Amino acid sequence: MKIEVRLFASLRSYLPSGSDGAKLFLDMPDGSRVIDVCERLKIPPQLAQLVMVGGVHEPDRDRPLRDGDTLSIFPPVAGGLLTPDS
């Protein structure tokens, strides 16, 4: 099956060389799960903070993917509080 994978921010460094921008198309075996894609791209599990399949949040890393799915993976986001002096 073929899926589209989109990586954001610091996760782009896990894209194979020759990838187009922030996405790539992967051929994966039928029954592959979100975690299988992360393992194939060598993305540490703790860095796959927010995962979306077809634009919908997917907390289950064992969720099976289907042919044509778009998998978007975001790293942890750090931030701070704005104060009146900021």
N, C-alpha and C. Protein backbone atom coordinates (compact mmCIF):
# COMPACT_ATOMS: atom_id res chain seq x y z
N MET A 1 0.85 -1.17 0.00
CA MET A 1 0.00 0.00 0.00
C MET A 1 0.89 1.23 0.00
N LYS A 2 0.36 2.32 -0.53
CA LYS A 2 1.12 3.56 -0.60
C LYS A 2 0.45 4.58 0.31
N ILE A 3 1.26 5.23 1.17
CA ILE A 3 0.75 6.28 2.04
C ILE A 3 1.61 7.52 1.87
N GLU A 4 1.00 8.66 2.14
CA GLU A 4 1.73 9.93 2.15
C GLU A 4 2.08 10.25 3.59
N VAL A 5 3.34 10.61 3.82
CA VAL A 5 3.81 10.96 5.16
C VAL A 5 4.26 12.41 5.12
N ARG A 6 3.75 13.19 6.06
CA ARG A 6 4.15 14.60 6.19
C ARG A 6 4.77 14.78 7.57
N LEU A 7 5.98 15.29 7.58
CA LEU A 7 6.69 15.54 8.83
C LEU A 7 6.85 17.04 9.02
N PHE A 8 6.71 17.49 10.24
CA PHE A 8 6.73 18.91 10.53
C PHE A 8 7.86 19.29 11.49
N ALA A 9 8.30 20.54 11.34
CA ALA A 9 9.32 21.16 12.19
C ALA A 9 10.58 20.29 12.24
N SER A 10 11.07 19.99 13.43
CA SER A 10 12.35 19.28 13.57
C SER A 10 12.29 17.85 13.02
N LEU A 11 11.10 17.29 12.84
CA LEU A 11 11.00 15.92 12.32
C LEU A 11 11.39 15.83 10.85
N ARG A 12 11.46 16.96 10.17
CA ARG A 12 11.86 16.94 8.76
C ARG A 12 13.26 16.35 8.58
N SER A 13 14.06 16.40 9.61
CA SER A 13 15.41 15.84 9.52
C SER A 13 15.38 14.32 9.36
N TYR A 14 14.23 13.69 9.60
CA TYR A 14 14.10 12.24 9.45
C TYR A 14 13.65 11.83 8.04
N LEU A 15 13.41 12.81 7.19
CA LEU A 15 13.05 12.49 5.81
C LEU A 15 14.26 11.94 5.07
N PRO A 16 14.07 10.94 4.24
CA PRO A 16 15.20 10.43 3.44
C PRO A 16 15.68 11.51 2.48
N SER A 17 16.96 11.45 2.14
CA SER A 17 17.49 12.42 1.19
C SER A 17 16.72 12.29 -0.13
N GLY A 18 16.52 13.41 -0.77
CA GLY A 18 15.78 13.43 -2.02
C GLY A 18 14.28 13.59 -1.84
N SER A 19 13.82 13.72 -0.60
CA SER A 19 12.39 13.91 -0.36
C SER A 19 11.98 15.32 -0.79
N ASP A 20 10.72 15.45 -1.15
CA ASP A 20 10.18 16.71 -1.62
C ASP A 20 9.64 17.53 -0.45
N GLY A 21 10.41 18.51 0.01
CA GLY A 21 9.94 19.38 1.09
C GLY A 21 9.75 18.65 2.39
N ALA A 22 8.51 18.58 2.87
CA ALA A 22 8.22 17.98 4.17
C ALA A 22 7.40 16.71 4.04
N LYS A 23 7.32 16.15 2.82
CA LYS A 23 6.49 14.95 2.66
C LYS A 23 7.18 13.94 1.77
N LEU A 24 6.70 12.72 1.88
CA LEU A 24 7.16 11.65 1.02
C LEU A 24 6.06 10.62 0.89
N PHE A 25 6.18 9.79 -0.12
CA PHE A 25 5.25 8.69 -0.32
C PHE A 25 6.01 7.41 -0.02
N LEU A 26 5.42 6.57 0.83
CA LEU A 26 6.04 5.31 1.23
C LEU A 26 5.20 4.14 0.76
N ASP A 27 5.87 3.12 0.28
CA ASP A 27 5.22 1.84 0.04
C ASP A 27 5.41 1.03 1.30
N MET A 28 4.32 0.65 1.92
CA MET A 28 4.34 -0.11 3.16
C MET A 28 3.54 -1.39 2.97
N PRO A 29 3.90 -2.45 3.71
CA PRO A 29 3.12 -3.69 3.63
C PRO A 29 1.69 -3.47 4.13
N ASP A 30 0.75 -4.20 3.56
CA ASP A 30 -0.63 -4.13 4.04
C ASP A 30 -0.65 -4.43 5.53
N GLY A 31 -1.49 -3.71 6.26
CA GLY A 31 -1.59 -3.91 7.70
C GLY A 31 -0.60 -3.11 8.51
N SER A 32 0.23 -2.31 7.84
CA SER A 32 1.20 -1.48 8.57
C SER A 32 0.47 -0.49 9.47
N ARG A 33 1.12 -0.20 10.59
CA ARG A 33 0.54 0.70 11.59
C ARG A 33 1.32 2.01 11.62
N VAL A 34 0.79 2.97 12.34
CA VAL A 34 1.47 4.26 12.51
C VAL A 34 2.87 4.02 13.06
N ILE A 35 3.00 3.18 14.07
CA ILE A 35 4.30 2.91 14.69
C ILE A 35 5.28 2.30 13.70
N ASP A 36 4.79 1.52 12.75
CA ASP A 36 5.67 0.92 11.74
C ASP A 36 6.29 1.98 10.85
N VAL A 37 5.52 3.00 10.51
CA VAL A 37 6.06 4.11 9.71
C VAL A 37 7.13 4.86 10.50
N CYS A 38 6.85 5.13 11.78
CA CYS A 38 7.83 5.81 12.63
C CYS A 38 9.12 5.00 12.71
N GLU A 39 9.00 3.70 12.89
CA GLU A 39 10.19 2.85 12.98
C GLU A 39 10.95 2.84 11.66
N ARG A 40 10.24 2.78 10.55
CA ARG A 40 10.92 2.78 9.24
C ARG A 40 11.71 4.07 9.02
N LEU A 41 11.15 5.20 9.49
CA LEU A 41 11.83 6.49 9.32
C LEU A 41 12.79 6.79 10.48
N LYS A 42 12.86 5.86 11.44
CA LYS A 42 13.74 6.00 12.61
C LYS A 42 13.39 7.22 13.47
N ILE A 43 12.09 7.49 13.56
CA ILE A 43 11.60 8.57 14.42
C ILE A 43 11.39 8.00 15.82
N PRO A 44 12.12 8.50 16.84
CA PRO A 44 11.90 8.01 18.20
C PRO A 44 10.45 8.23 18.63
N PRO A 45 9.85 7.25 19.29
CA PRO A 45 8.43 7.37 19.66
C PRO A 45 8.09 8.63 20.44
N GLN A 46 8.99 9.08 21.31
CA GLN A 46 8.69 10.27 22.11
C GLN A 46 8.66 11.55 21.27
N LEU A 47 9.23 11.50 20.06
CA LEU A 47 9.21 12.67 19.19
C LEU A 47 7.97 12.74 18.31
N ALA A 48 7.24 11.64 18.19
CA ALA A 48 5.99 11.64 17.43
C ALA A 48 4.86 12.03 18.38
N GLN A 49 4.84 13.29 18.74
CA GLN A 49 3.93 13.78 19.78
C GLN A 49 2.48 13.85 19.31
N LEU A 50 2.27 14.44 18.17
CA LEU A 50 0.92 14.58 17.64
C LEU A 50 0.87 13.89 16.28
N VAL A 51 -0.04 12.94 16.15
CA VAL A 51 -0.17 12.17 14.92
C VAL A 51 -1.60 12.36 14.39
N MET A 52 -1.68 12.62 13.10
CA MET A 52 -2.98 12.76 12.45
C MET A 52 -3.02 11.82 11.24
N VAL A 53 -4.15 11.17 11.07
CA VAL A 53 -4.37 10.33 9.89
C VAL A 53 -5.57 10.92 9.16
N GLY A 54 -5.33 11.34 7.94
CA GLY A 54 -6.41 11.97 7.18
C GLY A 54 -6.93 13.24 7.81
N GLY A 55 -6.06 13.96 8.52
CA GLY A 55 -6.46 15.22 9.15
C GLY A 55 -7.17 15.08 10.48
N VAL A 56 -7.25 13.85 11.00
CA VAL A 56 -7.92 13.59 12.27
C VAL A 56 -6.90 13.09 13.29
N HIS A 57 -6.92 13.67 14.49
CA HIS A 57 -5.99 13.26 15.54
C HIS A 57 -6.10 11.77 15.79
N GLU A 58 -4.94 11.11 15.87
CA GLU A 58 -4.91 9.66 16.10
C GLU A 58 -3.96 9.35 17.25
N PRO A 59 -4.50 9.12 18.45
CA PRO A 59 -3.62 8.83 19.59
C PRO A 59 -3.08 7.40 19.61
N ASP A 60 -3.70 6.49 18.84
CA ASP A 60 -3.32 5.08 18.86
C ASP A 60 -2.24 4.80 17.82
N ARG A 61 -1.00 4.59 18.30
CA ARG A 61 0.13 4.33 17.39
C ARG A 61 0.04 2.94 16.75
N ASP A 62 -0.85 2.10 17.25
CA ASP A 62 -1.06 0.77 16.68
C ASP A 62 -2.17 0.75 15.65
N ARG A 63 -2.69 1.90 15.32
CA ARG A 63 -3.77 1.98 14.34
C ARG A 63 -3.27 1.53 12.98
N PRO A 64 -3.97 0.58 12.36
CA PRO A 64 -3.60 0.16 11.01
C PRO A 64 -3.88 1.28 10.00
N LEU A 65 -3.00 1.41 9.05
CA LEU A 65 -3.17 2.39 7.98
C LEU A 65 -3.78 1.70 6.77
N ARG A 66 -4.37 2.52 5.90
CA ARG A 66 -4.96 1.99 4.67
C ARG A 66 -4.29 2.64 3.47
N ASP A 67 -4.36 1.98 2.35
CA ASP A 67 -3.82 2.51 1.12
C ASP A 67 -4.40 3.90 0.86
N GLY A 68 -3.53 4.87 0.57
CA GLY A 68 -3.96 6.23 0.28
C GLY A 68 -4.04 7.14 1.48
N ASP A 69 -3.83 6.62 2.71
CA ASP A 69 -3.86 7.47 3.90
C ASP A 69 -2.76 8.53 3.86
N THR A 70 -3.06 9.66 4.48
CA THR A 70 -2.06 10.70 4.71
C THR A 70 -1.78 10.73 6.20
N LEU A 71 -0.52 10.51 6.56
CA LEU A 71 -0.08 10.48 7.94
C LEU A 71 0.75 11.72 8.21
N SER A 72 0.32 12.55 9.15
CA SER A 72 1.04 13.77 9.53
C SER A 72 1.57 13.59 10.94
N ILE A 73 2.86 13.91 11.12
CA ILE A 73 3.48 13.72 12.44
C ILE A 73 4.15 15.03 12.86
N PHE A 74 3.82 15.45 14.09
CA PHE A 74 4.36 16.69 14.65
C PHE A 74 5.19 16.36 15.88
N PRO A 75 6.30 17.10 16.11
CA PRO A 75 7.10 16.89 17.31
C PRO A 75 6.47 17.60 18.50
N PRO A 76 7.01 17.38 19.70
CA PRO A 76 6.55 18.14 20.86
C PRO A 76 6.77 19.63 20.60
N VAL A 77 5.85 20.41 21.10
CA VAL A 77 5.95 21.86 20.93
C VAL A 77 6.26 22.47 22.28
N ALA A 78 7.28 23.30 22.31
CA ALA A 78 7.64 24.00 23.54
C ALA A 78 7.23 25.45 23.41
N GLY A 79 6.90 26.05 24.49
CA GLY A 79 6.50 27.45 24.45
C GLY A 79 6.57 28.03 25.83
N GLY A 80 6.17 29.25 25.91
CA GLY A 80 6.18 29.92 27.19
C GLY A 80 4.94 30.76 27.34
N LEU A 81 4.84 31.38 28.46
CA LEU A 81 3.71 32.25 28.73
C LEU A 81 4.06 33.67 28.34
N LEU A 82 3.11 34.35 27.79
CA LEU A 82 3.30 35.76 27.51
C LEU A 82 2.96 36.56 28.76
N THR A 83 3.77 37.52 29.04
CA THR A 83 3.50 38.40 30.19
C THR A 83 3.24 39.79 29.65
N PRO A 84 2.66 40.66 30.46
CA PRO A 84 2.38 42.00 29.99
C PRO A 84 3.65 42.76 29.55
N ASP A 85 4.81 42.33 30.04
CA ASP A 85 6.07 42.99 29.68
C ASP A 85 6.68 42.43 28.40
N SER A 86 6.07 41.39 27.82
CA SER A 86 6.63 40.74 26.63
C SER A 86 6.40 41.57 25.39
